[in-house]
């Protein structure tokens, strides 16, 4: 399975970063965390940009207010996922 993903990893990371800017979603962060765990060596060339975007996302999630009237999700879990992916 990893061999199938490896050739498109750069494009996949680029798409994830763009999505993280537009969409605040815990599942997106969890999926990215999984990619980072499984392709640690392969993402090395993208580590700086990835860590930078994860840091920005962390602060967005951390500062996210829980607003039950509008159905916004709490940003605590996605923020923790960002930290885990950075680590």
PDB file of N, CA and C in Angstrom:
ATOM      1  N   UNK A   1       0.826  -1.191   0.000  1.00  0.00           N
ATOM      2  CA  UNK A   1       0.000   0.000   0.000  1.00  0.00           C
ATOM      3  C   UNK A   1       0.873   1.259   0.000  1.00  0.00           C
ATOM      4  N   UNK A   2       1.911   1.252   0.832  1.00  0.00           N
ATOM      5  CA  UNK A   2       2.785   2.435   0.899  1.00  0.00           C
ATOM      6  C   UNK A   2       3.442   2.728  -0.439  1.00  0.00           C
ATOM      7  N   UNK A   3       3.789   1.669  -1.168  1.00  0.00           N
ATOM      8  CA  UNK A   3       4.431   1.872  -2.465  1.00  0.00           C
ATOM      9  C   UNK A   3       3.505   2.545  -3.460  1.00  0.00           C
ATOM     10  N   UNK A   4       2.200   2.357  -3.305  1.00  0.00           N
ATOM     11  CA  UNK A   4       1.232   3.006  -4.186  1.00  0.00           C
ATOM     12  C   UNK A   4       1.096   4.493  -3.875  1.00  0.00           C
ATOM     13  N   UNK A   5       1.246   4.854  -2.609  1.00  0.00           N
ATOM     14  CA  UNK A   5       1.072   6.242  -2.175  1.00  0.00           C
ATOM     15  C   UNK A   5       2.341   7.054  -2.383  1.00  0.00           C
ATOM     16  N   UNK A   6       3.480   6.426  -2.207  1.00  0.00           N
ATOM     17  CA  UNK A   6       4.775   7.116  -2.228  1.00  0.00           C
ATOM     18  C   UNK A   6       4.979   8.032  -3.444  1.00  0.00           C
ATOM     19  N   UNK A   7       4.684   7.609  -4.683  1.00  0.00           N
ATOM     20  CA  UNK A   7       4.924   8.496  -5.836  1.00  0.00           C
ATOM     21  C   UNK A   7       4.096   9.786  -5.822  1.00  0.00           C
ATOM     22  N   UNK A   8       2.919   9.755  -5.222  1.00  0.00           N
ATOM     23  CA  UNK A   8       2.064  10.940  -5.200  1.00  0.00           C
ATOM     24  C   UNK A   8       2.081  11.680  -3.881  1.00  0.00           C
ATOM     25  N   UNK A   9       3.045  11.359  -3.031  1.00  0.00           N
ATOM     26  CA  UNK A   9       3.091  11.932  -1.690  1.00  0.00           C
ATOM     27  C   UNK A   9       3.239  13.451  -1.707  1.00  0.00           C
ATOM     28  N   UNK A  10       4.081  13.978  -2.580  1.00  0.00           N
ATOM     29  CA  UNK A  10       4.270  15.432  -2.645  1.00  0.00           C
ATOM     30  C   UNK A  10       2.958  16.129  -2.993  1.00  0.00           C
ATOM     31  N   UNK A  11       2.251  15.617  -3.982  1.00  0.00           N
ATOM     32  CA  UNK A  11       0.968  16.216  -4.362  1.00  0.00           C
ATOM     33  C   UNK A  11      -0.046  16.080  -3.226  1.00  0.00           C
ATOM     34  N   UNK A  12      -0.045  14.937  -2.572  1.00  0.00           N
ATOM     35  CA  UNK A  12      -0.982  14.706  -1.472  1.00  0.00           C
ATOM     36  C   UNK A  12      -0.738  15.684  -0.331  1.00  0.00           C
ATOM     37  N   UNK A  13       0.515  15.901   0.030  1.00  0.00           N
ATOM     38  CA  UNK A  13       0.838  16.843   1.101  1.00  0.00           C
ATOM     39  C   UNK A  13       0.445  18.268   0.719  1.00  0.00           C
ATOM     40  N   UNK A  14       0.673  18.624  -0.522  1.00  0.00           N
ATOM     41  CA  UNK A  14       0.294  19.958  -0.997  1.00  0.00           C
ATOM     42  C   UNK A  14      -1.217  20.157  -0.887  1.00  0.00           C
ATOM     43  N   UNK A  15      -1.980  19.145  -1.257  1.00  0.00           N
ATOM     44  CA  UNK A  15      -3.442  19.227  -1.166  1.00  0.00           C
ATOM     45  C   UNK A  15      -3.887  19.313   0.288  1.00  0.00           C
ATOM     46  N   UNK A  16      -3.285  18.510   1.161  1.00  0.00           N
ATOM     47  CA  UNK A  16      -3.637  18.563   2.581  1.00  0.00           C
ATOM     48  C   UNK A  16      -3.383  19.946   3.165  1.00  0.00           C
ATOM     49  N   UNK A  17      -2.248  20.536   2.817  1.00  0.00           N
ATOM     50  CA  UNK A  17      -1.919  21.865   3.333  1.00  0.00           C
ATOM     51  C   UNK A  17      -2.954  22.885   2.856  1.00  0.00           C
ATOM     52  N   UNK A  18      -3.330  22.822   1.585  1.00  0.00           N
ATOM     53  CA  UNK A  18      -4.343  23.746   1.059  1.00  0.00           C
ATOM     54  C   UNK A  18      -5.679  23.534   1.756  1.00  0.00           C
ATOM     55  N   UNK A  19      -6.054  22.286   1.973  1.00  0.00           N
ATOM     56  CA  UNK A  19      -7.320  21.990   2.645  1.00  0.00           C
ATOM     57  C   UNK A  19      -7.327  22.490   4.085  1.00  0.00           C
ATOM     58  N   UNK A  20      -6.188  22.367   4.759  1.00  0.00           N
ATOM     59  CA  UNK A  20      -6.109  22.809   6.151  1.00  0.00           C
ATOM     60  C   UNK A  20      -6.298  24.316   6.275  1.00  0.00           C
ATOM     61  N   UNK A  21      -5.928  25.060   5.243  1.00  0.00           N
ATOM     62  CA  UNK A  21      -6.114  26.503   5.253  1.00  0.00           C
ATOM     63  C   UNK A  21      -7.601  26.845   5.115  1.00  0.00           C
ATOM     64  N   UNK A  22      -8.315  26.045   4.336  1.00  0.00           N
ATOM     65  CA  UNK A  22      -9.714  26.332   4.029  1.00  0.00           C
ATOM     66  C   UNK A  22     -10.683  25.663   5.007  1.00  0.00           C
ATOM     67  N   UNK A  23     -10.358  24.443   5.418  1.00  0.00           N
ATOM     68  CA  UNK A  23     -11.288  23.641   6.220  1.00  0.00           C
ATOM     69  C   UNK A  23     -10.689  23.343   7.585  1.00  0.00           C
ATOM     70  N   UNK A  24     -11.433  23.650   8.634  1.00  0.00           N
ATOM     71  CA  UNK A  24     -11.035  23.256   9.985  1.00  0.00           C
ATOM     72  C   UNK A  24     -11.760  21.959  10.301  1.00  0.00           C
ATOM     73  N   UNK A  25     -11.024  20.842  10.236  1.00  0.00           N
ATOM     74  CA  UNK A  25     -11.651  19.556  10.430  1.00  0.00           C
ATOM     75  C   UNK A  25     -10.708  18.615  11.158  1.00  0.00           C
ATOM     76  N   UNK A  26     -11.209  18.034  12.219  1.00  0.00           N
ATOM     77  CA  UNK A  26     -10.417  17.114  13.033  1.00  0.00           C
ATOM     78  C   UNK A  26      -9.973  15.893  12.237  1.00  0.00           C
ATOM     79  N   UNK A  27     -10.835  15.382  11.367  1.00  0.00           N
ATOM     80  CA  UNK A  27     -10.495  14.197  10.574  1.00  0.00           C
ATOM     81  C   UNK A  27      -9.363  14.482   9.598  1.00  0.00           C
ATOM     82  N   UNK A  28      -9.318  15.690   9.078  1.00  0.00           N
ATOM     83  CA  UNK A  28      -8.250  16.083   8.164  1.00  0.00           C
ATOM     84  C   UNK A  28      -6.909  16.070   8.887  1.00  0.00           C
ATOM     85  N   UNK A  29      -6.889  16.598  10.091  1.00  0.00           N
ATOM     86  CA  UNK A  29      -5.664  16.605  10.896  1.00  0.00           C
ATOM     87  C   UNK A  29      -5.253  15.180  11.251  1.00  0.00           C
ATOM     88  N   UNK A  30      -6.211  14.348  11.607  1.00  0.00           N
ATOM     89  CA  UNK A  30      -5.912  12.953  11.954  1.00  0.00           C
ATOM     90  C   UNK A  30      -5.321  12.199  10.765  1.00  0.00           C
ATOM     91  N   UNK A  31      -5.877  12.425   9.576  1.00  0.00           N
ATOM     92  CA  UNK A  31      -5.352  11.766   8.378  1.00  0.00           C
ATOM     93  C   UNK A  31      -3.939  12.233   8.073  1.00  0.00           C
ATOM     94  N   UNK A  32      -3.688  13.516   8.227  1.00  0.00           N
ATOM     95  CA  UNK A  32      -2.345  14.041   7.989  1.00  0.00           C
ATOM     96  C   UNK A  32      -1.357  13.475   9.005  1.00  0.00           C
ATOM     97  N   UNK A  33      -1.798  13.358  10.243  1.00  0.00           N
ATOM     98  CA  UNK A  33      -0.959  12.765  11.286  1.00  0.00           C
ATOM     99  C   UNK A  33      -0.577  11.336  10.910  1.00  0.00           C
ATOM    100  N   UNK A  34      -1.515  10.589  10.359  1.00  0.00           N
ATOM    101  CA  UNK A  34      -1.259   9.213   9.925  1.00  0.00           C
ATOM    102  C   UNK A  34      -0.236   9.183   8.781  1.00  0.00           C
ATOM    103  N   UNK A  35      -0.355  10.102   7.846  1.00  0.00           N
ATOM    104  CA  UNK A  35       0.600  10.187   6.735  1.00  0.00           C
ATOM    105  C   UNK A  35       1.998  10.472   7.271  1.00  0.00           C
ATOM    106  N   UNK A  36       2.088  11.411   8.201  1.00  0.00           N
ATOM    107  CA  UNK A  36       3.385  11.774   8.781  1.00  0.00           C
ATOM    108  C   UNK A  36       4.004  10.571   9.488  1.00  0.00           C
ATOM    109  N   UNK A  37       3.196   9.818  10.230  1.00  0.00           N
ATOM    110  CA  UNK A  37       3.706   8.643  10.946  1.00  0.00           C
ATOM    111  C   UNK A  37       4.207   7.563   9.991  1.00  0.00           C
ATOM    112  N   UNK A  38       3.526   7.382   8.872  1.00  0.00           N
ATOM    113  CA  UNK A  38       3.859   6.300   7.954  1.00  0.00           C
ATOM    114  C   UNK A  38       4.912   6.647   6.917  1.00  0.00           C
ATOM    115  N   UNK A  39       5.147   7.917   6.693  1.00  0.00           N
ATOM    116  CA  UNK A  39       6.100   8.340   5.673  1.00  0.00           C
ATOM    117  C   UNK A  39       7.104   9.345   6.240  1.00  0.00           C
ATOM    118  N   UNK A  40       7.611   9.071   7.420  1.00  0.00           N
ATOM    119  CA  UNK A  40       8.522   9.985   8.103  1.00  0.00           C
ATOM    120  C   UNK A  40       9.733  10.344   7.248  1.00  0.00           C
ATOM    121  N   UNK A  41      10.350   9.373   6.646  1.00  0.00           N
ATOM    122  CA  UNK A  41      11.550   9.622   5.842  1.00  0.00           C
ATOM    123  C   UNK A  41      11.201  10.377   4.559  1.00  0.00           C
ATOM    124  N   UNK A  42      10.109   9.982   3.924  1.00  0.00           N
ATOM    125  CA  UNK A  42       9.734  10.568   2.642  1.00  0.00           C
ATOM    126  C   UNK A  42       9.285  12.026   2.752  1.00  0.00           C
ATOM    127  N   UNK A  43       8.769  12.435   3.900  1.00  0.00           N
ATOM    128  CA  UNK A  43       8.284  13.815   4.023  1.00  0.00           C
ATOM    129  C   UNK A  43       9.375  14.786   4.460  1.00  0.00           C
ATOM    130  N   UNK A  44      10.563  14.293   4.682  1.00  0.00           N
ATOM    131  CA  UNK A  44      11.666  15.148   5.138  1.00  0.00           C
ATOM    132  C   UNK A  44      11.822  16.410   4.286  1.00  0.00           C
ATOM    133  N   UNK A  45      11.775  16.336   2.946  1.00  0.00           N
ATOM    134  CA  UNK A  45      11.917  17.567   2.157  1.00  0.00           C
ATOM    135  C   UNK A  45      10.789  18.573   2.376  1.00  0.00           C
ATOM    136  N   UNK A  46       9.657  18.111   2.904  1.00  0.00           N
ATOM    137  CA  UNK A  46       8.494  18.968   3.103  1.00  0.00           C
ATOM    138  C   UNK A  46       8.288  19.322   4.569  1.00  0.00           C
ATOM    139  N   UNK A  47       9.195  18.874   5.413  1.00  0.00           N
ATOM    140  CA  UNK A  47       9.007  18.998   6.864  1.00  0.00           C
ATOM    141  C   UNK A  47       8.848  20.450   7.314  1.00  0.00           C
ATOM    142  N   UNK A  48       9.647  21.349   6.797  1.00  0.00           N
ATOM    143  CA  UNK A  48       9.574  22.744   7.225  1.00  0.00           C
ATOM    144  C   UNK A  48       8.208  23.341   6.898  1.00  0.00           C
ATOM    145  N   UNK A  49       7.795  23.216   5.629  1.00  0.00           N
ATOM    146  CA  UNK A  49       6.504  23.774   5.214  1.00  0.00           C
ATOM    147  C   UNK A  49       5.353  23.110   5.953  1.00  0.00           C
ATOM    148  N   UNK A  50       5.446  21.814   6.126  1.00  0.00           N
ATOM    149  CA  UNK A  50       4.398  21.078   6.823  1.00  0.00           C
ATOM    150  C   UNK A  50       4.295  21.517   8.280  1.00  0.00           C
ATOM    151  N   UNK A  51       5.435  21.641   8.949  1.00  0.00           N
ATOM    152  CA  UNK A  51       5.441  22.084  10.349  1.00  0.00           C
ATOM    153  C   UNK A  51       4.922  23.516  10.462  1.00  0.00           C
ATOM    154  N   UNK A  52       5.277  24.357   9.518  1.00  0.00           N
ATOM    155  CA  UNK A  52       4.800  25.739   9.521  1.00  0.00           C
ATOM    156  C   UNK A  52       3.275  25.784   9.405  1.00  0.00           C
ATOM    157  N   UNK A  53       2.723  25.044   8.462  1.00  0.00           N
ATOM    158  CA  UNK A  53       1.269  25.033   8.279  1.00  0.00           C
ATOM    159  C   UNK A  53       0.556  24.373   9.458  1.00  0.00           C
ATOM    160  N   UNK A  54       1.150  23.332  10.011  1.00  0.00           N
ATOM    161  CA  UNK A  54       0.553  22.690  11.184  1.00  0.00           C
ATOM    162  C   UNK A  54       0.568  23.630  12.388  1.00  0.00           C
ATOM    163  N   UNK A  55       1.612  24.439  12.506  1.00  0.00           N
ATOM    164  CA  UNK A  55       1.683  25.416  13.597  1.00  0.00           C
ATOM    165  C   UNK A  55       0.583  26.460  13.449  1.00  0.00           C
ATOM    166  N   UNK A  56       0.402  26.970  12.238  1.00  0.00           N
ATOM    167  CA  UNK A  56      -0.670  27.939  11.994  1.00  0.00           C
ATOM    168  C   UNK A  56      -2.037  27.316  12.274  1.00  0.00           C
ATOM    169  N   UNK A  57      -2.220  26.075  11.839  1.00  0.00           N
ATOM    170  CA  UNK A  57      -3.487  25.382  12.085  1.00  0.00           C
ATOM    171  C   UNK A  57      -3.693  25.168  13.576  1.00  0.00           C
ATOM    172  N   UNK A  58      -2.627  24.836  14.294  1.00  0.00           N
ATOM    173  CA  UNK A  58      -2.722  24.643  15.744  1.00  0.00           C
ATOM    174  C   UNK A  58      -3.294  25.890  16.412  1.00  0.00           C
ATOM    175  N   UNK A  59      -2.747  27.048  16.066  1.00  0.00           N
ATOM    176  CA  UNK A  59      -3.225  28.289  16.684  1.00  0.00           C
ATOM    177  C   UNK A  59      -4.663  28.611  16.280  1.00  0.00           C
ATOM    178  N   UNK A  60      -5.035  28.295  15.036  1.00  0.00           N
ATOM    179  CA  UNK A  60      -6.427  28.497  14.620  1.00  0.00           C
ATOM    180  C   UNK A  60      -7.359  27.611  15.446  1.00  0.00           C
ATOM    181  N   UNK A  61      -6.998  26.347  15.597  1.00  0.00           N
ATOM    182  CA  UNK A  61      -7.836  25.429  16.370  1.00  0.00           C
ATOM    183  C   UNK A  61      -7.864  25.808  17.840  1.00  0.00           C
ATOM    184  N   UNK A  62      -6.704  26.195  18.369  1.00  0.00           N
ATOM    185  CA  UNK A  62      -6.604  26.548  19.783  1.00  0.00           C
ATOM    186  C   UNK A  62      -7.479  27.743  20.114  1.00  0.00           C
ATOM    187  N   UNK A  63      -7.506  28.695  19.217  1.00  0.00           N
ATOM    188  CA  UNK A  63      -8.267  29.918  19.457  1.00  0.00           C
ATOM    189  C   UNK A  63      -9.728  29.806  19.045  1.00  0.00           C
ATOM    190  N   UNK A  64     -10.095  28.672  18.500  1.00  0.00           N
ATOM    191  CA  UNK A  64     -11.467  28.485  18.023  1.00  0.00           C
ATOM    192  C   UNK A  64     -12.427  28.444  19.203  1.00  0.00           C
ATOM    193  N   UNK A  65     -13.441  29.274  19.133  1.00  0.00           N
ATOM    194  CA  UNK A  65     -14.461  29.313  20.181  1.00  0.00           C
ATOM    195  C   UNK A  65     -15.484  28.224  19.923  1.00  0.00           C
ATOM    196  N   UNK A  66     -15.955  27.619  20.977  1.00  0.00           N
ATOM    197  CA  UNK A  66     -17.040  26.664  20.857  1.00  0.00           C
ATOM    198  C   UNK A  66     -18.345  27.439  20.843  1.00  0.00           C
ATOM    199  N   UNK A  67     -19.042  27.345  19.746  1.00  0.00           N
ATOM    200  CA  UNK A  67     -20.303  28.074  19.580  1.00  0.00           C
ATOM    201  C   UNK A  67     -21.390  27.064  19.238  1.00  0.00           C
ATOM    202  N   UNK A  68     -22.151  26.641  20.252  1.00  0.00           N
ATOM    203  CA  UNK A  68     -23.149  25.605  20.066  1.00  0.00           C
ATOM    204  C   UNK A  68     -24.277  26.051  19.152  1.00  0.00           C
ATOM    205  N   UNK A  69     -24.579  27.343  19.097  1.00  0.00           N
ATOM    206  CA  UNK A  69     -25.660  27.835  18.243  1.00  0.00           C
ATOM    207  C   UNK A  69     -25.355  27.622  16.758  1.00  0.00           C
ATOM    208  N   UNK A  70     -24.086  27.697  16.408  1.00  0.00           N
ATOM    209  CA  UNK A  70     -23.714  27.539  15.008  1.00  0.00           C
ATOM    210  C   UNK A  70     -23.156  26.157  14.718  1.00  0.00           C
ATOM    211  N   UNK A  71     -23.098  25.287  15.721  1.00  0.00           N
ATOM    212  CA  UNK A  71     -22.652  23.920  15.518  1.00  0.00           C
ATOM    213  C   UNK A  71     -21.157  23.770  15.294  1.00  0.00           C
ATOM    214  N   UNK A  72     -20.361  24.714  15.746  1.00  0.00           N
ATOM    215  CA  UNK A  72     -18.914  24.630  15.581  1.00  0.00           C
ATOM    216  C   UNK A  72     -18.346  23.583  16.521  1.00  0.00           C
ATOM    217  N   UNK A  73     -17.391  22.816  16.030  1.00  0.00           N
ATOM    218  CA  UNK A  73     -16.765  21.820  16.885  1.00  0.00           C
ATOM    219  C   UNK A  73     -15.669  22.449  17.717  1.00  0.00           C
ATOM    220  N   UNK A  74     -15.393  21.844  18.827  1.00  0.00           N
ATOM    221  CA  UNK A  74     -14.336  22.294  19.712  1.00  0.00           C
ATOM    222  C   UNK A  74     -12.996  22.090  19.012  1.00  0.00           C
ATOM    223  N   UNK A  75     -12.082  23.024  19.161  1.00  0.00           N
ATOM    224  CA  UNK A  75     -10.798  22.938  18.479  1.00  0.00           C
ATOM    225  C   UNK A  75      -9.731  22.203  19.253  1.00  0.00           C
ATOM    226  N   UNK A  76     -10.066  21.673  20.415  1.00  0.00           N
ATOM    227  CA  UNK A  76      -9.072  21.043  21.274  1.00  0.00           C
ATOM    228  C   UNK A  76      -8.444  19.790  20.641  1.00  0.00           C
ATOM    229  N   UNK A  77      -9.247  18.879  20.132  1.00  0.00           N
ATOM    230  CA  UNK A  77      -8.715  17.649  19.540  1.00  0.00           C
ATOM    231  C   UNK A  77      -7.916  17.899  18.269  1.00  0.00           C
ATOM    232  N   UNK A  78      -8.408  18.739  17.338  1.00  0.00           N
ATOM    233  CA  UNK A  78      -7.579  19.016  16.166  1.00  0.00           C
ATOM    234  C   UNK A  78      -6.263  19.716  16.524  1.00  0.00           C
ATOM    235  N   UNK A  79      -6.284  20.580  17.532  1.00  0.00           N
ATOM    236  CA  UNK A  79      -5.051  21.253  17.965  1.00  0.00           C
ATOM    237  C   UNK A  79      -4.056  20.226  18.487  1.00  0.00           C
ATOM    238  N   UNK A  80      -4.544  19.279  19.270  1.00  0.00           N
ATOM    239  CA  UNK A  80      -3.672  18.217  19.787  1.00  0.00           C
ATOM    240  C   UNK A  80      -3.125  17.364  18.648  1.00  0.00           C
ATOM    241  N   UNK A  81      -3.946  17.112  17.638  1.00  0.00           N
ATOM    242  CA  UNK A  81      -3.482  16.358  16.474  1.00  0.00           C
ATOM    243  C   UNK A  81      -2.387  17.087  15.720  1.00  0.00           C
ATOM    244  N   UNK A  82      -2.498  18.414  15.635  1.00  0.00           N
ATOM    245  CA  UNK A  82      -1.443  19.207  14.986  1.00  0.00           C
ATOM    246  C   UNK A  82      -0.127  19.062  15.732  1.00  0.00           C
ATOM    247  N   UNK A  83      -0.193  19.145  17.050  1.00  0.00           N
ATOM    248  CA  UNK A  83       1.028  18.998  17.851  1.00  0.00           C
ATOM    249  C   UNK A  83       1.642  17.621  17.679  1.00  0.00           C
ATOM    250  N   UNK A  84       0.794  16.605  17.644  1.00  0.00           N
ATOM    251  CA  UNK A  84       1.282  15.232  17.477  1.00  0.00           C
ATOM    252  C   UNK A  84       1.956  15.068  16.114  1.00  0.00           C
ATOM    253  N   UNK A  85       1.353  15.626  15.076  1.00  0.00           N
ATOM    254  CA  UNK A  85       1.946  15.536  13.744  1.00  0.00           C
ATOM    255  C   UNK A  85       3.275  16.281  13.665  1.00  0.00           C
ATOM    256  N   UNK A  86       3.364  17.429  14.325  1.00  0.00           N
ATOM    257  CA  UNK A  86       4.610  18.186  14.343  1.00  0.00           C
ATOM    258  C   UNK A  86       5.699  17.406  15.071  1.00  0.00           C
ATOM    259  N   UNK A  87       5.310  16.781  16.172  1.00  0.00           N
ATOM    260  CA  UNK A  87       6.271  15.989  16.962  1.00  0.00           C
ATOM    261  C   UNK A  87       6.814  14.857  16.120  1.00  0.00           C
TER     262      UNK A  87
END
